[in-house]
């Protein structure tokens, strides 16, 4: 479960605040639509509502050359900006190894050797 007050933040090319100018908080939910049609109107309304919404956010791009950003690129940009503002707390992992004593190590061949 995520700590903090819940806010829905819609990422849209018509957003009112630039992603790097927005102040993210613990508990924020980042909401993205499809590359071709964006967010459904109901989702935008929820993100703008007083009870749930935190607003609409945009990632600047040069529209002369780019119609839209790839969804995974947009998510990465937004996630890392929010994480940066929160001192990367959500991205920290434990220092324990990924393997336990039951698992066998996964070996890969060095294709550059």
PDB file of N, CA and C in Angstrom:
ATOM      1  N   UNK A   1       0.844  -1.184   0.000  1.00  0.00           N
ATOM      2  CA  UNK A   1       0.000   0.000   0.000  1.00  0.00           C
ATOM      3  C   UNK A   1       0.888   1.246   0.000  1.00  0.00           C
ATOM      4  N   UNK A   2       0.471   2.222  -0.724  1.00  0.00           N
ATOM      5  CA  UNK A   2       1.253   3.443  -0.884  1.00  0.00           C
ATOM      6  C   UNK A   2       0.901   4.440   0.227  1.00  0.00           C
ATOM      7  N   UNK A   3       1.942   5.028   0.854  1.00  0.00           N
ATOM      8  CA  UNK A   3       1.735   6.014   1.911  1.00  0.00           C
ATOM      9  C   UNK A   3       1.350   7.358   1.314  1.00  0.00           C
ATOM     10  N   UNK A   4       0.742   8.194   2.120  1.00  0.00           N
ATOM     11  CA  UNK A   4       0.435   9.566   1.731  1.00  0.00           C
ATOM     12  C   UNK A   4      -0.983   9.735   1.205  1.00  0.00           C
ATOM     13  N   UNK A   5      -1.391  10.996   1.120  1.00  0.00           N
ATOM     14  CA  UNK A   5      -2.709  11.347   0.598  1.00  0.00           C
ATOM     15  C   UNK A   5      -2.767  11.018  -0.889  1.00  0.00           C
ATOM     16  N   UNK A   6      -3.841  10.390  -1.321  1.00  0.00           N
ATOM     17  CA  UNK A   6      -3.975   9.961  -2.708  1.00  0.00           C
ATOM     18  C   UNK A   6      -4.412  11.127  -3.608  1.00  0.00           C
ATOM     19  N   UNK A   7      -3.678  11.316  -4.710  1.00  0.00           N
ATOM     20  CA  UNK A   7      -4.068  12.276  -5.751  1.00  0.00           C
ATOM     21  C   UNK A   7      -3.886  11.602  -7.101  1.00  0.00           C
ATOM     22  N   UNK A   8      -4.848  11.788  -7.982  1.00  0.00           N
ATOM     23  CA  UNK A   8      -4.725  11.301  -9.353  1.00  0.00           C
ATOM     24  C   UNK A   8      -4.151  12.427 -10.203  1.00  0.00           C
ATOM     25  N   UNK A   9      -3.062  12.148 -10.901  1.00  0.00           N
ATOM     26  CA  UNK A   9      -2.402  13.153 -11.733  1.00  0.00           C
ATOM     27  C   UNK A   9      -2.452  12.691 -13.176  1.00  0.00           C
ATOM     28  N   UNK A  10      -3.185  13.419 -14.006  1.00  0.00           N
ATOM     29  CA  UNK A  10      -3.336  13.057 -15.413  1.00  0.00           C
ATOM     30  C   UNK A  10      -2.199  13.645 -16.227  1.00  0.00           C
ATOM     31  N   UNK A  11      -1.519  12.792 -16.990  1.00  0.00           N
ATOM     32  CA  UNK A  11      -0.489  13.255 -17.902  1.00  0.00           C
ATOM     33  C   UNK A  11      -1.101  13.341 -19.288  1.00  0.00           C
ATOM     34  N   UNK A  12      -1.142  14.560 -19.818  1.00  0.00           N
ATOM     35  CA  UNK A  12      -1.769  14.817 -21.101  1.00  0.00           C
ATOM     36  C   UNK A  12      -1.046  15.959 -21.799  1.00  0.00           C
ATOM     37  N   UNK A  13      -1.046  15.952 -23.136  1.00  0.00           N
ATOM     38  CA  UNK A  13      -0.360  17.032 -23.842  1.00  0.00           C
ATOM     39  C   UNK A  13      -1.073  18.369 -23.664  1.00  0.00           C
ATOM     40  N   UNK A  14      -2.272  18.354 -23.118  1.00  0.00           N
ATOM     41  CA  UNK A  14      -3.006  19.589 -22.818  1.00  0.00           C
ATOM     42  C   UNK A  14      -2.980  19.927 -21.324  1.00  0.00           C
ATOM     43  N   UNK A  15      -2.026  19.360 -20.606  1.00  0.00           N
ATOM     44  CA  UNK A  15      -1.906  19.603 -19.167  1.00  0.00           C
ATOM     45  C   UNK A  15      -1.613  21.054 -18.858  1.00  0.00           C
ATOM     46  N   UNK A  16      -1.963  21.478 -17.663  1.00  0.00           N
ATOM     47  CA  UNK A  16      -1.815  22.892 -17.273  1.00  0.00           C
ATOM     48  C   UNK A  16      -0.479  23.193 -16.607  1.00  0.00           C
ATOM     49  N   UNK A  17       0.226  22.150 -16.129  1.00  0.00           N
ATOM     50  CA  UNK A  17       1.495  22.343 -15.422  1.00  0.00           C
ATOM     51  C   UNK A  17       2.547  21.436 -16.064  1.00  0.00           C
ATOM     52  N   UNK A  18       3.745  21.963 -16.246  1.00  0.00           N
ATOM     53  CA  UNK A  18       4.851  21.157 -16.767  1.00  0.00           C
ATOM     54  C   UNK A  18       5.305  20.153 -15.711  1.00  0.00           C
ATOM     55  N   UNK A  19       5.655  18.955 -16.144  1.00  0.00           N
ATOM     56  CA  UNK A  19       5.994  17.855 -15.223  1.00  0.00           C
ATOM     57  C   UNK A  19       7.103  18.220 -14.247  1.00  0.00           C
ATOM     58  N   UNK A  20       8.048  19.042 -14.649  1.00  0.00           N
ATOM     59  CA  UNK A  20       9.159  19.390 -13.760  1.00  0.00           C
ATOM     60  C   UNK A  20       8.834  20.565 -12.840  1.00  0.00           C
ATOM     61  N   UNK A  21       7.749  21.280 -13.115  1.00  0.00           N
ATOM     62  CA  UNK A  21       7.320  22.385 -12.249  1.00  0.00           C
ATOM     63  C   UNK A  21       6.290  21.946 -11.209  1.00  0.00           C
ATOM     64  N   UNK A  22       5.768  20.757 -11.344  1.00  0.00           N
ATOM     65  CA  UNK A  22       4.759  20.233 -10.437  1.00  0.00           C
ATOM     66  C   UNK A  22       5.433  19.688  -9.179  1.00  0.00           C
ATOM     67  N   UNK A  23       4.801  19.843  -8.024  1.00  0.00           N
ATOM     68  CA  UNK A  23       5.342  19.314  -6.761  1.00  0.00           C
ATOM     69  C   UNK A  23       4.664  17.991  -6.433  1.00  0.00           C
ATOM     70  N   UNK A  24       5.412  16.910  -6.608  1.00  0.00           N
ATOM     71  CA  UNK A  24       4.894  15.569  -6.333  1.00  0.00           C
ATOM     72  C   UNK A  24       4.964  15.277  -4.845  1.00  0.00           C
ATOM     73  N   UNK A  25       4.042  14.407  -4.386  1.00  0.00           N
ATOM     74  CA  UNK A  25       4.001  14.007  -2.985  1.00  0.00           C
ATOM     75  C   UNK A  25       3.847  12.494  -2.896  1.00  0.00           C
ATOM     76  N   UNK A  26       4.213  11.953  -1.758  1.00  0.00           N
ATOM     77  CA  UNK A  26       3.941  10.540  -1.515  1.00  0.00           C
ATOM     78  C   UNK A  26       2.443  10.322  -1.647  1.00  0.00           C
ATOM     79  N   UNK A  27       2.070   9.219  -2.248  1.00  0.00           N
ATOM     80  CA  UNK A  27       0.655   8.902  -2.422  1.00  0.00           C
ATOM     81  C   UNK A  27       0.106   9.269  -3.782  1.00  0.00           C
ATOM     82  N   UNK A  28       0.860  10.023  -4.585  1.00  0.00           N
ATOM     83  CA  UNK A  28       0.386  10.410  -5.914  1.00  0.00           C
ATOM     84  C   UNK A  28       0.271   9.199  -6.832  1.00  0.00           C
ATOM     85  N   UNK A  29      -0.771   9.196  -7.645  1.00  0.00           N
ATOM     86  CA  UNK A  29      -0.974   8.178  -8.668  1.00  0.00           C
ATOM     87  C   UNK A  29      -0.832   8.859 -10.015  1.00  0.00           C
ATOM     88  N   UNK A  30       0.099   8.400 -10.838  1.00  0.00           N
ATOM     89  CA  UNK A  30       0.336   8.980 -12.152  1.00  0.00           C
ATOM     90  C   UNK A  30      -0.527   8.225 -13.159  1.00  0.00           C
ATOM     91  N   UNK A  31      -1.362   8.962 -13.896  1.00  0.00           N
ATOM     92  CA  UNK A  31      -2.333   8.346 -14.808  1.00  0.00           C
ATOM     93  C   UNK A  31      -1.991   8.737 -16.243  1.00  0.00           C
ATOM     94  N   UNK A  32      -1.880   7.727 -17.116  1.00  0.00           N
ATOM     95  CA  UNK A  32      -1.519   7.938 -18.517  1.00  0.00           C
ATOM     96  C   UNK A  32      -2.565   7.305 -19.410  1.00  0.00           C
ATOM     97  N   UNK A  33      -2.744   7.894 -20.589  1.00  0.00           N
ATOM     98  CA  UNK A  33      -3.651   7.320 -21.581  1.00  0.00           C
ATOM     99  C   UNK A  33      -2.856   6.662 -22.695  1.00  0.00           C
ATOM    100  N   UNK A  34      -3.577   6.189 -23.683  1.00  0.00           N
ATOM    101  CA  UNK A  34      -2.914   5.550 -24.818  1.00  0.00           C
ATOM    102  C   UNK A  34      -2.255   6.605 -25.701  1.00  0.00           C
ATOM    103  N   UNK A  35      -1.282   6.167 -26.499  1.00  0.00           N
ATOM    104  CA  UNK A  35      -0.573   7.088 -27.387  1.00  0.00           C
ATOM    105  C   UNK A  35      -1.502   7.673 -28.446  1.00  0.00           C
ATOM    106  N   UNK A  36      -2.469   6.903 -28.894  1.00  0.00           N
ATOM    107  CA  UNK A  36      -3.327   7.358 -29.998  1.00  0.00           C
ATOM    108  C   UNK A  36      -4.524   8.182 -29.556  1.00  0.00           C
ATOM    109  N   UNK A  37      -5.121   7.837 -28.419  1.00  0.00           N
ATOM    110  CA  UNK A  37      -6.349   8.544 -28.028  1.00  0.00           C
ATOM    111  C   UNK A  37      -6.253   9.288 -26.703  1.00  0.00           C
ATOM    112  N   UNK A  38      -5.172   9.141 -25.968  1.00  0.00           N
ATOM    113  CA  UNK A  38      -5.032   9.839 -24.691  1.00  0.00           C
ATOM    114  C   UNK A  38      -5.919   9.249 -23.613  1.00  0.00           C
ATOM    115  N   UNK A  39      -6.198  10.058 -22.611  1.00  0.00           N
ATOM    116  CA  UNK A  39      -7.040   9.614 -21.493  1.00  0.00           C
ATOM    117  C   UNK A  39      -8.518   9.743 -21.836  1.00  0.00           C
ATOM    118  N   UNK A  40      -9.335   8.804 -21.374  1.00  0.00           N
ATOM    119  CA  UNK A  40     -10.784   8.949 -21.556  1.00  0.00           C
ATOM    120  C   UNK A  40     -11.295  10.150 -20.767  1.00  0.00           C
ATOM    121  N   UNK A  41     -12.367  10.788 -21.231  1.00  0.00           N
ATOM    122  CA  UNK A  41     -12.915  11.970 -20.541  1.00  0.00           C
ATOM    123  C   UNK A  41     -13.205  11.731 -19.060  1.00  0.00           C
ATOM    124  N   UNK A  42     -13.674  10.521 -18.713  1.00  0.00           N
ATOM    125  CA  UNK A  42     -13.998  10.233 -17.300  1.00  0.00           C
ATOM    126  C   UNK A  42     -12.734  10.274 -16.438  1.00  0.00           C
ATOM    127  N   UNK A  43     -11.637   9.770 -16.964  1.00  0.00           N
ATOM    128  CA  UNK A  43     -10.377   9.783 -16.220  1.00  0.00           C
ATOM    129  C   UNK A  43      -9.886  11.208 -16.025  1.00  0.00           C
ATOM    130  N   UNK A  44     -10.009  12.027 -17.058  1.00  0.00           N
ATOM    131  CA  UNK A  44      -9.616  13.436 -16.927  1.00  0.00           C
ATOM    132  C   UNK A  44     -10.460  14.146 -15.879  1.00  0.00           C
ATOM    133  N   UNK A  45     -11.759  13.858 -15.859  1.00  0.00           N
ATOM    134  CA  UNK A  45     -12.636  14.467 -14.846  1.00  0.00           C
ATOM    135  C   UNK A  45     -12.221  14.048 -13.442  1.00  0.00           C
ATOM    136  N   UNK A  46     -11.900  12.762 -13.254  1.00  0.00           N
ATOM    137  CA  UNK A  46     -11.453  12.289 -11.941  1.00  0.00           C
ATOM    138  C   UNK A  46     -10.165  12.990 -11.509  1.00  0.00           C
ATOM    139  N   UNK A  47      -9.259  13.213 -12.455  1.00  0.00           N
ATOM    140  CA  UNK A  47      -7.979  13.856 -12.132  1.00  0.00           C
ATOM    141  C   UNK A  47      -8.147  15.349 -11.840  1.00  0.00           C
ATOM    142  N   UNK A  48      -9.238  15.921 -12.317  1.00  0.00           N
ATOM    143  CA  UNK A  48      -9.507  17.336 -12.066  1.00  0.00           C
ATOM    144  C   UNK A  48     -10.446  17.546 -10.878  1.00  0.00           C
ATOM    145  N   UNK A  49     -11.061  16.467 -10.378  1.00  0.00           N
ATOM    146  CA  UNK A  49     -12.039  16.600  -9.295  1.00  0.00           C
ATOM    147  C   UNK A  49     -11.366  17.044  -8.004  1.00  0.00           C
ATOM    148  N   UNK A  50     -12.159  17.688  -7.157  1.00  0.00           N
ATOM    149  CA  UNK A  50     -11.626  18.183  -5.893  1.00  0.00           C
ATOM    150  C   UNK A  50     -11.292  17.057  -4.923  1.00  0.00           C
ATOM    151  N   UNK A  51     -12.078  15.986  -4.950  1.00  0.00           N
ATOM    152  CA  UNK A  51     -11.869  14.914  -3.974  1.00  0.00           C
ATOM    153  C   UNK A  51     -10.676  14.017  -4.313  1.00  0.00           C
ATOM    154  N   UNK A  52     -10.440  13.722  -5.581  1.00  0.00           N
ATOM    155  CA  UNK A  52      -9.374  12.798  -5.967  1.00  0.00           C
ATOM    156  C   UNK A  52      -8.232  13.457  -6.724  1.00  0.00           C
ATOM    157  N   UNK A  53      -8.560  14.483  -7.451  1.00  0.00           N
ATOM    158  CA  UNK A  53      -7.629  14.979  -8.446  1.00  0.00           C
ATOM    159  C   UNK A  53      -6.535  15.887  -7.942  1.00  0.00           C
ATOM    160  N   UNK A  54      -5.418  15.776  -8.651  1.00  0.00           N
ATOM    161  CA  UNK A  54      -4.285  16.648  -8.393  1.00  0.00           C
ATOM    162  C   UNK A  54      -4.019  17.564  -9.574  1.00  0.00           C
ATOM    163  N   UNK A  55      -4.717  17.301 -10.683  1.00  0.00           N
ATOM    164  CA  UNK A  55      -4.588  18.170 -11.839  1.00  0.00           C
ATOM    165  C   UNK A  55      -4.078  17.452 -13.073  1.00  0.00           C
ATOM    166  N   UNK A  56      -3.799  18.266 -14.090  1.00  0.00           N
ATOM    167  CA  UNK A  56      -3.301  17.750 -15.363  1.00  0.00           C
ATOM    168  C   UNK A  56      -1.884  18.251 -15.582  1.00  0.00           C
ATOM    169  N   UNK A  57      -1.033  17.354 -16.038  1.00  0.00           N
ATOM    170  CA  UNK A  57       0.393  17.639 -16.171  1.00  0.00           C
ATOM    171  C   UNK A  57       0.820  17.339 -17.600  1.00  0.00           C
ATOM    172  N   UNK A  58       1.738  18.127 -18.113  1.00  0.00           N
ATOM    173  CA  UNK A  58       2.231  17.883 -19.466  1.00  0.00           C
ATOM    174  C   UNK A  58       3.745  17.744 -19.466  1.00  0.00           C
ATOM    175  N   UNK A  59       4.218  16.998 -20.438  1.00  0.00           N
ATOM    176  CA  UNK A  59       5.651  16.860 -20.696  1.00  0.00           C
ATOM    177  C   UNK A  59       5.911  17.650 -21.971  1.00  0.00           C
ATOM    178  N   UNK A  60       6.729  18.690 -21.905  1.00  0.00           N
ATOM    179  CA  UNK A  60       6.942  19.519 -23.100  1.00  0.00           C
ATOM    180  C   UNK A  60       7.589  18.722 -24.232  1.00  0.00           C
ATOM    181  N   UNK A  61       7.171  19.034 -25.447  1.00  0.00           N
ATOM    182  CA  UNK A  61       7.779  18.421 -26.627  1.00  0.00           C
ATOM    183  C   UNK A  61       7.633  19.386 -27.799  1.00  0.00           C
ATOM    184  N   UNK A  62       8.471  19.212 -28.787  1.00  0.00           N
ATOM    185  CA  UNK A  62       8.409  20.049 -29.987  1.00  0.00           C
ATOM    186  C   UNK A  62       7.379  19.430 -30.919  1.00  0.00           C
ATOM    187  N   UNK A  63       6.191  20.004 -30.968  1.00  0.00           N
ATOM    188  CA  UNK A  63       5.097  19.407 -31.731  1.00  0.00           C
ATOM    189  C   UNK A  63       5.295  19.503 -33.239  1.00  0.00           C
ATOM    190  N   UNK A  64       6.230  20.324 -33.677  1.00  0.00           N
ATOM    191  CA  UNK A  64       6.511  20.413 -35.102  1.00  0.00           C
ATOM    192  C   UNK A  64       7.011  19.071 -35.626  1.00  0.00           C
ATOM    193  N   UNK A  65       7.775  18.367 -34.798  1.00  0.00           N
ATOM    194  CA  UNK A  65       8.398  17.125 -35.226  1.00  0.00           C
ATOM    195  C   UNK A  65       7.800  15.877 -34.576  1.00  0.00           C
ATOM    196  N   UNK A  66       7.100  16.042 -33.459  1.00  0.00           N
ATOM    197  CA  UNK A  66       6.608  14.886 -32.706  1.00  0.00           C
ATOM    198  C   UNK A  66       5.114  15.055 -32.453  1.00  0.00           C
ATOM    199  N   UNK A  67       4.324  14.045 -32.854  1.00  0.00           N
ATOM    200  CA  UNK A  67       2.882  14.080 -32.606  1.00  0.00           C
ATOM    201  C   UNK A  67       2.582  13.741 -31.154  1.00  0.00           C
ATOM    202  N   UNK A  68       3.265  12.701 -30.647  1.00  0.00           N
ATOM    203  CA  UNK A  68       3.108  12.308 -29.248  1.00  0.00           C
ATOM    204  C   UNK A  68       4.349  11.536 -28.827  1.00  0.00           C
ATOM    205  N   UNK A  69       4.561  11.472 -27.529  1.00  0.00           N
ATOM    206  CA  UNK A  69       5.664  10.680 -26.996  1.00  0.00           C
ATOM    207  C   UNK A  69       5.202   9.236 -26.809  1.00  0.00           C
ATOM    208  N   UNK A  70       6.105   8.314 -26.978  1.00  0.00           N
ATOM    209  CA  UNK A  70       5.836   6.917 -26.701  1.00  0.00           C
ATOM    210  C   UNK A  70       5.399   6.799 -25.245  1.00  0.00           C
ATOM    211  N   UNK A  71       4.417   5.952 -24.965  1.00  0.00           N
ATOM    212  CA  UNK A  71       3.878   5.820 -23.611  1.00  0.00           C
ATOM    213  C   UNK A  71       4.954   5.437 -22.599  1.00  0.00           C
ATOM    214  N   UNK A  72       5.813   4.489 -22.945  1.00  0.00           N
ATOM    215  CA  UNK A  72       6.845   4.073 -21.985  1.00  0.00           C
ATOM    216  C   UNK A  72       7.848   5.197 -21.727  1.00  0.00           C
ATOM    217  N   UNK A  73       8.130   6.002 -22.735  1.00  0.00           N
ATOM    218  CA  UNK A  73       9.033   7.150 -22.551  1.00  0.00           C
ATOM    219  C   UNK A  73       8.380   8.166 -21.615  1.00  0.00           C
ATOM    220  N   UNK A  74       7.105   8.448 -21.836  1.00  0.00           N
ATOM    221  CA  UNK A  74       6.379   9.403 -20.992  1.00  0.00           C
ATOM    222  C   UNK A  74       6.342   8.945 -19.536  1.00  0.00           C
ATOM    223  N   UNK A  75       6.058   7.670 -19.336  1.00  0.00           N
ATOM    224  CA  UNK A  75       6.018   7.125 -17.974  1.00  0.00           C
ATOM    225  C   UNK A  75       7.389   7.247 -17.323  1.00  0.00           C
ATOM    226  N   UNK A  76       8.441   6.932 -18.059  1.00  0.00           N
ATOM    227  CA  UNK A  76       9.797   7.039 -17.521  1.00  0.00           C
ATOM    228  C   UNK A  76      10.156   8.459 -17.129  1.00  0.00           C
ATOM    229  N   UNK A  77       9.828   9.410 -17.984  1.00  0.00           N
ATOM    230  CA  UNK A  77      10.111  10.824 -17.689  1.00  0.00           C
ATOM    231  C   UNK A  77       9.385  11.250 -16.423  1.00  0.00           C
ATOM    232  N   UNK A  78       8.096  10.943 -16.356  1.00  0.00           N
ATOM    233  CA  UNK A  78       7.281  11.351 -15.206  1.00  0.00           C
ATOM    234  C   UNK A  78       7.719  10.652 -13.925  1.00  0.00           C
ATOM    235  N   UNK A  79       7.943   9.353 -14.010  1.00  0.00           N
ATOM    236  CA  UNK A  79       8.327   8.582 -12.829  1.00  0.00           C
ATOM    237  C   UNK A  79       9.648   9.065 -12.246  1.00  0.00           C
ATOM    238  N   UNK A  80      10.617   9.315 -13.098  1.00  0.00           N
ATOM    239  CA  UNK A  80      11.919   9.740 -12.581  1.00  0.00           C
ATOM    240  C   UNK A  80      11.895  11.171 -12.057  1.00  0.00           C
ATOM    241  N   UNK A  81      11.081  12.043 -12.616  1.00  0.00           N
ATOM    242  CA  UNK A  81      10.968  13.387 -12.047  1.00  0.00           C
ATOM    243  C   UNK A  81      10.298  13.324 -10.677  1.00  0.00           C
ATOM    244  N   UNK A  82       9.220  12.553 -10.573  1.00  0.00           N
ATOM    245  CA  UNK A  82       8.552  12.405  -9.272  1.00  0.00           C
ATOM    246  C   UNK A  82       9.499  11.754  -8.265  1.00  0.00           C
ATOM    247  N   UNK A  83      10.217  10.728  -8.694  1.00  0.00           N
ATOM    248  CA  UNK A  83      11.169  10.047  -7.804  1.00  0.00           C
ATOM    249  C   UNK A  83      12.292  10.978  -7.372  1.00  0.00           C
ATOM    250  N   UNK A  84      12.784  11.786  -8.302  1.00  0.00           N
ATOM    251  CA  UNK A  84      13.852  12.744  -7.968  1.00  0.00           C
ATOM    252  C   UNK A  84      13.381  13.698  -6.878  1.00  0.00           C
ATOM    253  N   UNK A  85      12.165  14.212  -7.037  1.00  0.00           N
ATOM    254  CA  UNK A  85      11.645  15.151  -6.036  1.00  0.00           C
ATOM    255  C   UNK A  85      11.449  14.475  -4.682  1.00  0.00           C
ATOM    256  N   UNK A  86      11.194  13.176  -4.685  1.00  0.00           N
ATOM    257  CA  UNK A  86      10.993  12.437  -3.435  1.00  0.00           C
ATOM    258  C   UNK A  86      12.266  11.718  -3.003  1.00  0.00           C
ATOM    259  N   UNK A  87      13.408  12.203  -3.503  1.00  0.00           N
ATOM    260  CA  UNK A  87      14.729  11.652  -3.151  1.00  0.00           C
ATOM    261  C   UNK A  87      14.851  10.168  -3.453  1.00  0.00           C
ATOM    262  N   UNK A  88      14.218   9.726  -4.512  1.00  0.00           N
ATOM    263  CA  UNK A  88      14.309   8.344  -4.997  1.00  0.00           C
ATOM    264  C   UNK A  88      13.895   7.311  -3.954  1.00  0.00           C
ATOM    265  N   UNK A  89      13.063   7.705  -2.996  1.00  0.00           N
ATOM    266  CA  UNK A  89      12.642   6.789  -1.931  1.00  0.00           C
ATOM    267  C   UNK A  89      11.960   5.547  -2.487  1.00  0.00           C
ATOM    268  N   UNK A  90      11.107   5.686  -3.492  1.00  0.00           N
ATOM    269  CA  UNK A  90      10.360   4.550  -4.023  1.00  0.00           C
ATOM    270  C   UNK A  90      11.247   3.607  -4.826  1.00  0.00           C
ATOM    271  N   UNK A  91      12.401   4.074  -5.274  1.00  0.00           N
ATOM    272  CA  UNK A  91      13.266   3.242  -6.104  1.00  0.00           C
ATOM    273  C   UNK A  91      14.337   2.511  -5.312  1.00  0.00           C
ATOM    274  N   UNK A  92      14.481   2.822  -4.035  1.00  0.00           N
ATOM    275  CA  UNK A  92      15.508   2.170  -3.237  1.00  0.00           C
ATOM    276  C   UNK A  92      15.130   0.718  -2.992  1.00  0.00           C
ATOM    277  N   UNK A  93      16.122  -0.150  -3.065  1.00  0.00           N
ATOM    278  CA  UNK A  93      15.894  -1.572  -2.812  1.00  0.00           C
ATOM    279  C   UNK A  93      16.789  -2.014  -1.666  1.00  0.00           C
ATOM    280  N   UNK A  94      16.494  -3.172  -1.169  1.00  0.00           N
ATOM    281  CA  UNK A  94      17.331  -3.692  -0.084  1.00  0.00           C
ATOM    282  C   UNK A  94      18.669  -4.118  -0.660  1.00  0.00           C
ATOM    283  N   UNK A  95      19.674  -4.203   0.202  1.00  0.00           N
ATOM    284  CA  UNK A  95      21.006  -4.596  -0.243  1.00  0.00           C
ATOM    285  C   UNK A  95      21.188  -6.107  -0.230  1.00  0.00           C
ATOM    286  N   UNK A  96      20.115  -6.850   0.067  1.00  0.00           N
ATOM    287  CA  UNK A  96      20.198  -8.300   0.092  1.00  0.00           C
ATOM    288  C   UNK A  96      20.272  -8.830  -1.339  1.00  0.00           C
ATOM    289  N   UNK A  97      20.999  -9.922  -1.540  1.00  0.00           N
ATOM    290  CA  UNK A  97      21.080 -10.493  -2.888  1.00  0.00           C
ATOM    291  C   UNK A  97      19.723 -11.003  -3.355  1.00  0.00           C
ATOM    292  N   UNK A  98      19.534 -11.045  -4.654  1.00  0.00           N
ATOM    293  CA  UNK A  98      18.275 -11.495  -5.238  1.00  0.00           C
ATOM    294  C   UNK A  98      18.089 -12.997  -5.136  1.00  0.00           C
ATOM    295  N   UNK A  99      19.170 -13.735  -5.004  1.00  0.00           N
ATOM    296  CA  UNK A  99      19.084 -15.196  -4.937  1.00  0.00           C
ATOM    297  C   UNK A  99      18.945 -15.665  -3.496  1.00  0.00           C
ATOM    298  N   UNK A 100      18.174 -16.706  -3.323  1.00  0.00           N
ATOM    299  CA  UNK A 100      18.194 -17.369  -2.022  1.00  0.00           C
ATOM    300  C   UNK A 100      18.912 -18.704  -2.195  1.00  0.00           C
ATOM    301  N   UNK A 101      19.068 -19.467  -1.155  1.00  0.00           N
ATOM    302  CA  UNK A 101      19.882 -20.685  -1.210  1.00  0.00           C
ATOM    303  C   UNK A 101      19.261 -21.768  -2.082  1.00  0.00           C
ATOM    304  N   UNK A 102      17.984 -21.697  -2.360  1.00  0.00           N
ATOM    305  CA  UNK A 102      17.307 -22.714  -3.167  1.00  0.00           C
ATOM    306  C   UNK A 102      17.546 -22.468  -4.662  1.00  0.00           C
ATOM    307  N   UNK A 103      17.625 -21.224  -5.049  1.00  0.00           N
ATOM    308  CA  UNK A 103      17.772 -20.889  -6.461  1.00  0.00           C
ATOM    309  C   UNK A 103      19.181 -21.187  -6.961  1.00  0.00           C
ATOM    310  N   UNK A 104      19.266 -21.545  -8.208  1.00  0.00           N
ATOM    311  CA  UNK A 104      20.576 -21.701  -8.828  1.00  0.00           C
ATOM    312  C   UNK A 104      20.897 -20.419  -9.567  1.00  0.00           C
ATOM    313  N   UNK A 105      22.160 -20.051  -9.657  1.00  0.00           N
ATOM    314  CA  UNK A 105      22.521 -18.815 -10.335  1.00  0.00           C
ATOM    315  C   UNK A 105      22.163 -18.868 -11.806  1.00  0.00           C
ATOM    316  N   UNK A 106      21.787 -17.737 -12.342  1.00  0.00           N
ATOM    317  CA  UNK A 106      21.461 -17.623 -13.760  1.00  0.00           C
ATOM    318  C   UNK A 106      22.729 -17.144 -14.473  1.00  0.00           C
ATOM    319  N   UNK A 107      23.223 -17.948 -15.421  1.00  0.00           N
ATOM    320  CA  UNK A 107      24.450 -17.620 -16.122  1.00  0.00           C
ATOM    321  C   UNK A 107      24.115 -17.151 -17.532  1.00  0.00           C
ATOM    322  N   UNK A 108      24.825 -16.121 -17.983  1.00  0.00           N
ATOM    323  CA  UNK A 108      24.655 -15.654 -19.343  1.00  0.00           C
ATOM    324  C   UNK A 108      25.994 -15.675 -20.035  1.00  0.00           C
ATOM    325  N   UNK A 109      25.962 -15.783 -21.343  1.00  0.00           N
ATOM    326  CA  UNK A 109      27.184 -15.778 -22.121  1.00  0.00           C
ATOM    327  C   UNK A 109      27.505 -14.353 -22.506  1.00  0.00           C
ATOM    328  N   UNK A 110      28.767 -13.973 -22.396  1.00  0.00           N
ATOM    329  CA  UNK A 110      29.205 -12.640 -22.780  1.00  0.00           C
ATOM    330  C   UNK A 110      29.313 -12.597 -24.294  1.00  0.00           C
ATOM    331  N   UNK A 111      28.352 -11.928 -24.946  1.00  0.00           N
ATOM    332  CA  UNK A 111      28.326 -11.910 -26.414  1.00  0.00           C
ATOM    333  C   UNK A 111      29.415 -11.016 -26.989  1.00  0.00           C
ATOM    334  N   UNK A 112      30.047 -10.196 -26.153  1.00  0.00           N
ATOM    335  CA  UNK A 112      31.088  -9.287 -26.636  1.00  0.00           C
ATOM    336  C   UNK A 112      32.488  -9.870 -26.453  1.00  0.00           C
ATOM    337  N   UNK A 113      32.629 -11.081 -25.857  1.00  0.00           N
ATOM    338  CA  UNK A 113      33.942 -11.675 -25.594  1.00  0.00           C
ATOM    339  C   UNK A 113      34.572 -12.182 -26.866  1.00  0.00           C
TER     340      UNK A 113
END
